[in-house]
Amino acid sequence: MKRILYLFSILFATSIIGTACSPSEEMNYHGDAFVHFITNSDQAFVFKDQDYNDYDLDFGTVQNVDGDPNAELVFNPTNSTAVKGVDFEILNGGKGIIQNGTARGVFKVRIFRASALETGKIANFTIKSSTLQNNLDYQAFQLKMSLTCSMSVFLGSGNFEYEGWLQNPDNFVIQELPGNKLVIKNFFMNSTTQKDMILTYNPKTFVVSMPSTNTGEYIAQYKGYIWGQTSTAQKSSFNPCTRELTLFITYSIPGVGSYGDQEEYFVGQ
């Protein structure tokens, strides 16, 4: 019997969270447009058949800006294992522009294949601007840049060993579909039905996503089905060389409550 049937006792505790404030109580920020990175780390890849790959490093402000202010991406060699000019280059002179009326911009980092390693190298960055003040958070960013393999290496024979939350340990077949999609055959299975898990992946970053999907698991006590979708707080992705796929799925029963983010791990055999 699946572990989810024993864990639902926590459901109502998590379903209460977030109900304390009404829309009328929310506060809107009207201060300065402080500049910051969107996250504090990420992973990027260059393929073995490429000379280089360009990575988009997102940054932003806490509110929409006036004019077209720019910011600068600054390499910090401290604790970095990647070397600027050898492993990577910052394009456009390190400048990134936030267009008028928006709150997002992009820096461009070019990762070179010749010196890249599958184990990866680390580059640390900071952000500055002559026109915008720095926010208190997300002022440092760490990028792990790695050499990677083709999809044919990742898929192999298609057989993957599974360990996770929704199902008991098992083996599943993973296949590629047109349109940068992966299908995990019969992952959403129970005593009466079998249904594939369909994922969409980014071919440059190997980040994967799944829209809200009915798993087919019906919990009679709560008269509802468990639905799942990839987490917005944690990144789901796969590594083509190690053949590992790690998913963070937010499971919930609509109108009842949430199980929170649960990890589903697959490794090729």
C-alpha atoms as a PDB file:
ATOM      1  CA  MET A   1       0.000   0.000   0.000  1.00  0.00           C
ATOM      2  CA  LYS A   2       1.371   3.391  -0.950  1.00  0.00           C
ATOM      3  CA  ARG A   3       2.854   5.629   1.724  1.00  0.00           C
ATOM      4  CA  ILE A   4       0.497   8.498   0.892  1.00  0.00           C
ATOM      5  CA  LEU A   5      -2.355   6.664   2.549  1.00  0.00           C
ATOM      6  CA  TYR A   6      -0.520   6.844   5.875  1.00  0.00           C
ATOM      7  CA  LEU A   7       0.619  10.444   5.598  1.00  0.00           C
ATOM      8  CA  PHE A   8      -2.629  12.260   5.006  1.00  0.00           C
ATOM      9  CA  SER A   9      -3.044  13.069   8.686  1.00  0.00           C
ATOM     10  CA  ILE A  10      -0.856  16.160   8.129  1.00  0.00           C
ATOM     11  CA  LEU A  11      -3.129  17.458   5.404  1.00  0.00           C
ATOM     12  CA  PHE A  12      -5.397  19.731   7.387  1.00  0.00           C
ATOM     13  CA  ALA A  13      -2.508  21.336   9.238  1.00  0.00           C
ATOM     14  CA  THR A  14      -0.950  22.423   5.939  1.00  0.00           C
ATOM     15  CA  SER A  15      -4.270  23.438   4.387  1.00  0.00           C
ATOM     16  CA  ILE A  16      -4.786  26.094   7.066  1.00  0.00           C
ATOM     17  CA  ILE A  17      -1.580  27.948   6.190  1.00  0.00           C
ATOM     18  CA  GLY A  18      -2.086  31.084   4.122  1.00  0.00           C
ATOM     19  CA  THR A  19      -5.664  31.798   5.191  1.00  0.00           C
ATOM     20  CA  ALA A  20      -4.880  34.366   7.874  1.00  0.00           C
ATOM     21  CA  CYS A  21      -4.727  37.411   5.581  1.00  0.00           C
ATOM     22  CA  SER A  22      -7.469  38.711   3.350  1.00  0.00           C
ATOM     23  CA  PRO A  23      -6.769  40.672   0.139  1.00  0.00           C
ATOM     24  CA  SER A  24      -7.739  43.863   1.942  1.00  0.00           C
ATOM     25  CA  GLU A  25      -4.918  43.269   4.433  1.00  0.00           C
ATOM     26  CA  GLU A  26      -2.173  42.872   1.833  1.00  0.00           C
ATOM     27  CA  MET A  27       0.375  45.643   1.622  1.00  0.00           C
ATOM     28  CA  ASN A  28       1.760  47.049  -1.614  1.00  0.00           C
ATOM     29  CA  TYR A  29       5.348  48.248  -1.888  1.00  0.00           C
ATOM     30  CA  HIS A  30       5.872  51.789  -3.237  1.00  0.00           C
ATOM     31  CA  GLY A  31       9.532  52.429  -2.375  1.00  0.00           C
ATOM     32  CA  ASP A  32      12.724  52.417  -4.423  1.00  0.00           C
ATOM     33  CA  ALA A  33      13.261  49.865  -7.205  1.00  0.00           C
ATOM     34  CA  PHE A  34      16.097  47.951  -5.531  1.00  0.00           C
ATOM     35  CA  VAL A  35      18.071  45.646  -7.856  1.00  0.00           C
ATOM     36  CA  HIS A  36      18.763  41.982  -7.109  1.00  0.00           C
ATOM     37  CA  PHE A  37      19.201  38.517  -8.606  1.00  0.00           C
ATOM     38  CA  ILE A  38      16.022  36.454  -8.924  1.00  0.00           C
ATOM     39  CA  THR A  39      17.610  33.417  -7.251  1.00  0.00           C
ATOM     40  CA  ASN A  40      20.942  32.816  -5.554  1.00  0.00           C
ATOM     41  CA  SER A  41      22.145  29.878  -7.682  1.00  0.00           C
ATOM     42  CA  ASP A  42      21.536  27.855 -10.827  1.00  0.00           C
ATOM     43  CA  GLN A  43      23.102  25.247 -13.095  1.00  0.00           C
ATOM     44  CA  ALA A  44      23.887  25.658 -16.805  1.00  0.00           C
ATOM     45  CA  PHE A  45      25.277  23.291 -19.422  1.00  0.00           C
ATOM     46  CA  VAL A  46      27.242  23.160 -22.640  1.00  0.00           C
ATOM     47  CA  PHE A  47      26.900  20.130 -24.926  1.00  0.00           C
ATOM     48  CA  LYS A  48      29.858  18.107 -26.117  1.00  0.00           C
ATOM     49  CA  ASP A  49      29.028  18.964 -29.746  1.00  0.00           C
ATOM     50  CA  GLN A  50      28.891  22.752 -29.102  1.00  0.00           C
ATOM     51  CA  ASP A  51      31.673  25.308 -29.088  1.00  0.00           C
ATOM     52  CA  TYR A  52      29.772  27.319 -26.476  1.00  0.00           C
ATOM     53  CA  ASN A  53      26.354  27.854 -24.938  1.00  0.00           C
ATOM     54  CA  ASP A  54      24.846  31.188 -23.872  1.00  0.00           C
ATOM     55  CA  TYR A  55      23.109  31.253 -20.508  1.00  0.00           C
ATOM     56  CA  ASP A  56      20.486  33.849 -19.501  1.00  0.00           C
ATOM     57  CA  LEU A  57      21.048  35.031 -15.943  1.00  0.00           C
ATOM     58  CA  ASP A  58      17.896  36.782 -14.722  1.00  0.00           C
ATOM     59  CA  PHE A  59      17.873  39.796 -12.426  1.00  0.00           C
ATOM     60  CA  GLY A  60      15.224  42.291 -11.435  1.00  0.00           C
ATOM     61  CA  THR A  61      13.886  44.995  -9.178  1.00  0.00           C
ATOM     62  CA  VAL A  62      11.273  44.965  -6.444  1.00  0.00           C
ATOM     63  CA  GLN A  63       8.934  47.086  -8.560  1.00  0.00           C
ATOM     64  CA  ASN A  64       8.589  48.331 -12.150  1.00  0.00           C
ATOM     65  CA  VAL A  65      11.138  50.948 -13.184  1.00  0.00           C
ATOM     66  CA  ASP A  66      10.976  54.277 -14.980  1.00  0.00           C
ATOM     67  CA  GLY A  67      13.282  54.807 -17.929  1.00  0.00           C
ATOM     68  CA  ASP A  68      15.665  52.027 -18.971  1.00  0.00           C
ATOM     69  CA  PRO A  69      18.108  51.637 -16.057  1.00  0.00           C
ATOM     70  CA  ASN A  70      20.941  49.171 -16.368  1.00  0.00           C
ATOM     71  CA  ALA A  71      22.854  46.958 -14.000  1.00  0.00           C
ATOM     72  CA  GLU A  72      26.221  45.238 -14.227  1.00  0.00           C
ATOM     73  CA  LEU A  73      27.163  41.620 -13.606  1.00  0.00           C
ATOM     74  CA  VAL A  74      30.474  41.401 -11.739  1.00  0.00           C
ATOM     75  CA  PHE A  75      32.536  38.214 -11.513  1.00  0.00           C
ATOM     76  CA  ASN A  76      33.773  37.356  -8.021  1.00  0.00           C
ATOM     77  CA  PRO A  77      36.787  34.998  -8.218  1.00  0.00           C
ATOM     78  CA  THR A  78      36.595  34.232  -4.497  1.00  0.00           C
ATOM     79  CA  ASN A  79      35.685  30.543  -4.093  1.00  0.00           C
ATOM     80  CA  SER A  80      35.139  30.292  -7.865  1.00  0.00           C
ATOM     81  CA  THR A  81      36.649  27.329  -9.709  1.00  0.00           C
ATOM     82  CA  ALA A  82      35.770  28.713 -13.163  1.00  0.00           C
ATOM     83  CA  VAL A  83      38.140  31.207 -14.785  1.00  0.00           C
ATOM     84  CA  LYS A  84      36.807  34.207 -16.679  1.00  0.00           C
ATOM     85  CA  GLY A  85      38.071  34.226 -20.272  1.00  0.00           C
ATOM     86  CA  VAL A  86      38.834  30.492 -20.125  1.00  0.00           C
ATOM     87  CA  ASP A  87      35.670  28.753 -18.927  1.00  0.00           C
ATOM     88  CA  PHE A  88      33.206  31.550 -19.601  1.00  0.00           C
ATOM     89  CA  GLU A  89      32.781  35.138 -20.741  1.00  0.00           C
ATOM     90  CA  ILE A  90      30.275  37.788 -19.692  1.00  0.00           C
ATOM     91  CA  LEU A  91      28.652  39.221 -22.827  1.00  0.00           C
ATOM     92  CA  ASN A  92      27.557  42.796 -23.551  1.00  0.00           C
ATOM     93  CA  GLY A  93      30.227  44.175 -21.262  1.00  0.00           C
ATOM     94  CA  GLY A  94      28.360  42.750 -18.312  1.00  0.00           C
ATOM     95  CA  LYS A  95      25.450  45.146 -18.829  1.00  0.00           C
ATOM     96  CA  GLY A  96      21.799  44.239 -18.517  1.00  0.00           C
ATOM     97  CA  ILE A  97      18.871  46.593 -19.088  1.00  0.00           C
ATOM     98  CA  ILE A  98      15.492  46.699 -17.400  1.00  0.00           C
ATOM     99  CA  GLN A  99      13.058  48.237 -19.849  1.00  0.00           C
ATOM    100  CA  ASN A 100      10.710  51.016 -18.797  1.00  0.00           C
ATOM    101  CA  GLY A 101       7.616  49.770 -16.995  1.00  0.00           C
ATOM    102  CA  THR A 102       9.078  46.321 -16.239  1.00  0.00           C
ATOM    103  CA  ALA A 103      10.968  44.746 -13.352  1.00  0.00           C
ATOM    104  CA  ARG A 104      13.121  42.104 -15.082  1.00  0.00           C
ATOM    105  CA  GLY A 105      16.369  42.051 -17.016  1.00  0.00           C
ATOM    106  CA  VAL A 106      18.860  39.482 -18.301  1.00  0.00           C
ATOM    107  CA  PHE A 107      22.637  39.141 -18.224  1.00  0.00           C
ATOM    108  CA  LYS A 108      24.311  36.904 -20.816  1.00  0.00           C
ATOM    109  CA  VAL A 109      27.038  34.435 -19.827  1.00  0.00           C
ATOM    110  CA  ARG A 110      28.804  32.400 -22.543  1.00  0.00           C
ATOM    111  CA  ILE A 111      30.054  28.987 -21.380  1.00  0.00           C
ATOM    112  CA  PHE A 112      32.896  27.441 -23.390  1.00  0.00           C
ATOM    113  CA  ARG A 113      32.967  23.723 -24.180  1.00  0.00           C
ATOM    114  CA  ALA A 114      36.744  23.319 -24.588  1.00  0.00           C
ATOM    115  CA  SER A 115      37.507  23.630 -20.865  1.00  0.00           C
ATOM    116  CA  ALA A 116      34.203  22.389 -19.450  1.00  0.00           C
ATOM    117  CA  LEU A 117      33.947  19.343 -17.183  1.00  0.00           C
ATOM    118  CA  GLU A 118      31.047  17.015 -16.477  1.00  0.00           C
ATOM    119  CA  THR A 119      31.664  17.526 -12.760  1.00  0.00           C
ATOM    120  CA  GLY A 120      31.169  21.247 -13.288  1.00  0.00           C
ATOM    121  CA  LYS A 121      32.917  24.476 -12.354  1.00  0.00           C
ATOM    122  CA  ILE A 122      31.616  27.260 -10.134  1.00  0.00           C
ATOM    123  CA  ALA A 123      31.473  30.972 -10.987  1.00  0.00           C
ATOM    124  CA  ASN A 124      30.360  33.486  -8.353  1.00  0.00           C
ATOM    125  CA  PHE A 125      28.845  36.844  -9.258  1.00  0.00           C
ATOM    126  CA  THR A 126      27.590  40.028  -7.654  1.00  0.00           C
ATOM    127  CA  ILE A 127      25.364  42.752  -9.072  1.00  0.00           C
ATOM    128  CA  LYS A 128      25.699  46.531  -9.073  1.00  0.00           C
ATOM    129  CA  SER A 129      24.093  49.552 -10.693  1.00  0.00           C
ATOM    130  CA  SER A 130      24.953  53.234 -11.037  1.00  0.00           C
ATOM    131  CA  THR A 131      21.282  54.213 -10.981  1.00  0.00           C
ATOM    132  CA  LEU A 132      19.601  51.621  -8.746  1.00  0.00           C
ATOM    133  CA  GLN A 133      20.247  50.777  -5.121  1.00  0.00           C
ATOM    134  CA  ASN A 134      20.993  47.205  -4.091  1.00  0.00           C
ATOM    135  CA  ASN A 135      18.375  45.161  -2.315  1.00  0.00           C
ATOM    136  CA  LEU A 136      19.303  43.466   0.970  1.00  0.00           C
ATOM    137  CA  ASP A 137      18.738  39.954  -0.415  1.00  0.00           C
ATOM    138  CA  TYR A 138      19.940  38.043  -3.488  1.00  0.00           C
ATOM    139  CA  GLN A 139      23.077  40.084  -4.062  1.00  0.00           C
ATOM    140  CA  ALA A 140      25.287  37.048  -4.714  1.00  0.00           C
ATOM    141  CA  PHE A 141      24.746  34.422  -7.394  1.00  0.00           C
ATOM    142  CA  GLN A 142      26.530  31.115  -7.954  1.00  0.00           C
ATOM    143  CA  LEU A 143      26.456  29.454 -11.371  1.00  0.00           C
ATOM    144  CA  LYS A 144      27.595  25.865 -11.804  1.00  0.00           C
ATOM    145  CA  MET A 145      28.570  25.316 -15.444  1.00  0.00           C
ATOM    146  CA  SER A 146      28.989  21.761 -16.679  1.00  0.00           C
ATOM    147  CA  LEU A 147      29.731  19.722 -19.783  1.00  0.00           C
ATOM    148  CA  THR A 148      26.791  17.507 -20.591  1.00  0.00           C
ATOM    149  CA  CYS A 149      25.647  14.619 -22.755  1.00  0.00           C
ATOM    150  CA  SER A 150      22.984  14.069 -25.383  1.00  0.00           C
ATOM    151  CA  MET A 151      19.420  12.927 -24.766  1.00  0.00           C
ATOM    152  CA  SER A 152      20.297   9.515 -26.191  1.00  0.00           C
ATOM    153  CA  VAL A 153      22.760   9.032 -23.328  1.00  0.00           C
ATOM    154  CA  PHE A 154      20.150  10.090 -20.773  1.00  0.00           C
ATOM    155  CA  LEU A 155      17.442   7.800 -22.105  1.00  0.00           C
ATOM    156  CA  GLY A 156      19.682   4.773 -22.685  1.00  0.00           C
ATOM    157  CA  SER A 157      17.439   1.711 -22.780  1.00  0.00           C
ATOM    158  CA  GLY A 158      14.666   3.751 -21.189  1.00  0.00           C
ATOM    159  CA  ASN A 159      14.664   1.792 -17.919  1.00  0.00           C
ATOM    160  CA  PHE A 160      14.847   3.851 -14.719  1.00  0.00           C
ATOM    161  CA  GLU A 161      14.848   2.822 -11.084  1.00  0.00           C
ATOM    162  CA  TYR A 162      12.469   4.871  -8.937  1.00  0.00           C
ATOM    163  CA  GLU A 163      12.442   5.899  -5.280  1.00  0.00           C
ATOM    164  CA  GLY A 164       9.979   8.532  -4.127  1.00  0.00           C
ATOM    165  CA  TRP A 165       6.784   9.529  -2.396  1.00  0.00           C
ATOM    166  CA  LEU A 166       3.758   8.725  -4.527  1.00  0.00           C
ATOM    167  CA  GLN A 167       4.657   5.131  -5.422  1.00  0.00           C
ATOM    168  CA  ASN A 168       6.549   2.310  -3.778  1.00  0.00           C
ATOM    169  CA  PRO A 169      10.096   1.707  -5.134  1.00  0.00           C
ATOM    170  CA  ASP A 170       9.786   0.376  -8.663  1.00  0.00           C
ATOM    171  CA  ASN A 171      11.164   0.548 -12.212  1.00  0.00           C
ATOM    172  CA  PHE A 172       9.661   2.742 -14.921  1.00  0.00           C
ATOM    173  CA  VAL A 173      10.263   3.335 -18.619  1.00  0.00           C
ATOM    174  CA  ILE A 174      11.022   6.927 -19.673  1.00  0.00           C
ATOM    175  CA  GLN A 175      10.721   7.945 -23.325  1.00  0.00           C
ATOM    176  CA  GLU A 176      11.105  11.169 -25.294  1.00  0.00           C
ATOM    177  CA  LEU A 177       8.209  12.738 -27.170  1.00  0.00           C
ATOM    178  CA  PRO A 178       8.254  15.500 -29.830  1.00  0.00           C
ATOM    179  CA  GLY A 179       8.197  19.058 -28.528  1.00  0.00           C
ATOM    180  CA  ASN A 180      10.809  18.618 -25.762  1.00  0.00           C
ATOM    181  CA  LYS A 181       8.672  16.276 -23.714  1.00  0.00           C
ATOM    182  CA  LEU A 182       9.396  13.227 -21.565  1.00  0.00           C
ATOM    183  CA  VAL A 183       6.873  10.542 -20.723  1.00  0.00           C
ATOM    184  CA  ILE A 184       7.181   8.295 -17.667  1.00  0.00           C
ATOM    185  CA  LYS A 185       5.069   5.322 -18.653  1.00  0.00           C
ATOM    186  CA  ASN A 186       2.269   4.338 -16.261  1.00  0.00           C
ATOM    187  CA  PHE A 187       3.666   6.358 -13.355  1.00  0.00           C
ATOM    188  CA  PHE A 188       0.226   7.393 -12.130  1.00  0.00           C
ATOM    189  CA  MET A 189      -0.994   3.872 -11.481  1.00  0.00           C
ATOM    190  CA  ASN A 190      -3.279   2.361  -8.884  1.00  0.00           C
ATOM    191  CA  SER A 191      -5.397  -0.757  -8.544  1.00  0.00           C
ATOM    192  CA  THR A 192      -7.769   0.280 -11.307  1.00  0.00           C
ATOM    193  CA  THR A 193      -6.022   2.719 -13.672  1.00  0.00           C
ATOM    194  CA  GLN A 194      -2.666   3.473 -15.297  1.00  0.00           C
ATOM    195  CA  LYS A 195      -1.685   6.908 -16.607  1.00  0.00           C
ATOM    196  CA  ASP A 196       1.546   8.379 -17.984  1.00  0.00           C
ATOM    197  CA  MET A 197       3.331  11.331 -16.403  1.00  0.00           C
ATOM    198  CA  ILE A 198       4.078  13.912 -19.124  1.00  0.00           C
ATOM    199  CA  LEU A 199       6.904  16.395 -18.516  1.00  0.00           C
ATOM    200  CA  THR A 200       8.132  19.324 -20.599  1.00  0.00           C
ATOM    201  CA  TYR A 201      11.869  20.064 -20.457  1.00  0.00           C
ATOM    202  CA  ASN A 202      14.116  22.970 -21.396  1.00  0.00           C
ATOM    203  CA  PRO A 203      16.804  21.575 -23.772  1.00  0.00           C
ATOM    204  CA  LYS A 204      19.333  24.199 -22.603  1.00  0.00           C
ATOM    205  CA  THR A 205      18.965  23.798 -18.849  1.00  0.00           C
ATOM    206  CA  PHE A 206      17.203  20.390 -18.447  1.00  0.00           C
ATOM    207  CA  VAL A 207      14.701  21.979 -16.086  1.00  0.00           C
ATOM    208  CA  VAL A 208      11.406  20.082 -16.303  1.00  0.00           C
ATOM    209  CA  SER A 209       7.825  21.051 -15.538  1.00  0.00           C
ATOM    210  CA  MET A 210       4.429  19.405 -15.301  1.00  0.00           C
ATOM    211  CA  PRO A 211       1.075  21.230 -15.245  1.00  0.00           C
ATOM    212  CA  SER A 212      -1.568  20.371 -12.691  1.00  0.00           C
ATOM    213  CA  THR A 213      -2.421  16.713 -13.301  1.00  0.00           C
ATOM    214  CA  ASN A 214      -4.879  14.280 -11.743  1.00  0.00           C
ATOM    215  CA  THR A 215      -2.853  11.334 -10.416  1.00  0.00           C
ATOM    216  CA  GLY A 216      -5.882   9.068 -10.301  1.00  0.00           C
ATOM    217  CA  GLU A 217      -5.361   8.431  -6.575  1.00  0.00           C
ATOM    218  CA  TYR A 218      -8.753   8.783  -4.912  1.00  0.00           C
ATOM    219  CA  ILE A 219      -8.879   9.312  -1.149  1.00  0.00           C
ATOM    220  CA  ALA A 220     -12.323   8.117  -0.084  1.00  0.00           C
ATOM    221  CA  GLN A 221     -12.070   9.726   3.358  1.00  0.00           C
ATOM    222  CA  TYR A 222     -11.868  13.170   1.733  1.00  0.00           C
ATOM    223  CA  LYS A 223     -13.895  12.347  -1.373  1.00  0.00           C
ATOM    224  CA  GLY A 224     -11.272  13.734  -3.727  1.00  0.00           C
ATOM    225  CA  TYR A 225      -8.423  12.891  -6.072  1.00  0.00           C
ATOM    226  CA  ILE A 226      -4.790  13.761  -5.438  1.00  0.00           C
ATOM    227  CA  TRP A 227      -3.471  16.210  -8.012  1.00  0.00           C
ATOM    228  CA  GLY A 228       0.172  17.061  -8.632  1.00  0.00           C
ATOM    229  CA  GLN A 229       2.240  19.706 -10.387  1.00  0.00           C
ATOM    230  CA  THR A 230       5.905  20.645 -10.325  1.00  0.00           C
ATOM    231  CA  SER A 231       6.874  22.872  -7.428  1.00  0.00           C
ATOM    232  CA  THR A 232       7.300  26.600  -7.928  1.00  0.00           C
ATOM    233  CA  ALA A 233       9.711  26.750  -4.969  1.00  0.00           C
ATOM    234  CA  GLN A 234      12.122  23.964  -5.953  1.00  0.00           C
ATOM    235  CA  LYS A 235      13.575  23.195  -9.371  1.00  0.00           C
ATOM    236  CA  SER A 236      12.911  19.858 -11.063  1.00  0.00           C
ATOM    237  CA  SER A 237      15.590  18.773 -13.549  1.00  0.00           C
ATOM    238  CA  PHE A 238      17.629  15.906 -14.982  1.00  0.00           C
ATOM    239  CA  ASN A 239      21.312  15.266 -15.645  1.00  0.00           C
ATOM    240  CA  PRO A 240      21.845  13.592 -19.056  1.00  0.00           C
ATOM    241  CA  CYS A 241      25.287  12.226 -18.129  1.00  0.00           C
ATOM    242  CA  THR A 242      24.425  10.653 -14.769  1.00  0.00           C
ATOM    243  CA  ARG A 243      20.922   9.751 -16.028  1.00  0.00           C
ATOM    244  CA  GLU A 244      19.299  11.172 -12.895  1.00  0.00           C
ATOM    245  CA  LEU A 245      15.868  12.827 -12.911  1.00  0.00           C
ATOM    246  CA  THR A 246      14.764  14.622  -9.741  1.00  0.00           C
ATOM    247  CA  LEU A 247      11.231  15.962  -9.508  1.00  0.00           C
ATOM    248  CA  PHE A 248       9.726  18.103  -6.777  1.00  0.00           C
ATOM    249  CA  ILE A 249       5.972  17.674  -7.043  1.00  0.00           C
ATOM    250  CA  THR A 250       3.392  19.631  -5.071  1.00  0.00           C
ATOM    251  CA  TYR A 251       0.607  17.162  -4.288  1.00  0.00           C
ATOM    252  CA  SER A 252      -2.793  18.265  -3.039  1.00  0.00           C
ATOM    253  CA  ILE A 253      -6.498  17.475  -2.984  1.00  0.00           C
ATOM    254  CA  PRO A 254      -8.331  20.510  -4.388  1.00  0.00           C
ATOM    255  CA  GLY A 255     -10.608  22.074  -1.834  1.00  0.00           C
ATOM    256  CA  VAL A 256      -9.118  20.026   1.005  1.00  0.00           C
ATOM    257  CA  GLY A 257      -5.407  20.714   1.447  1.00  0.00           C
ATOM    258  CA  SER A 258      -1.829  20.123   0.358  1.00  0.00           C
ATOM    259  CA  TYR A 259       0.826  17.520   1.054  1.00  0.00           C
ATOM    260  CA  GLY A 260       3.466  20.109   0.143  1.00  0.00           C
ATOM    261  CA  ASP A 261       6.474  19.410  -2.095  1.00  0.00           C
ATOM    262  CA  GLN A 262       7.518  15.770  -2.400  1.00  0.00           C
ATOM    263  CA  GLU A 263      10.631  14.391  -4.125  1.00  0.00           C
ATOM    264  CA  GLU A 264      10.401  11.797  -6.900  1.00  0.00           C
ATOM    265  CA  TYR A 265      13.799  10.413  -7.957  1.00  0.00           C
ATOM    266  CA  PHE A 266      14.662   8.321 -11.036  1.00  0.00           C
ATOM    267  CA  VAL A 267      18.056   6.961 -12.132  1.00  0.00           C
ATOM    268  CA  GLY A 268      18.809   5.131 -15.374  1.00  0.00           C
ATOM    269  CA  GLN A 269      19.766   1.452 -15.309  1.00  0.00           C
END
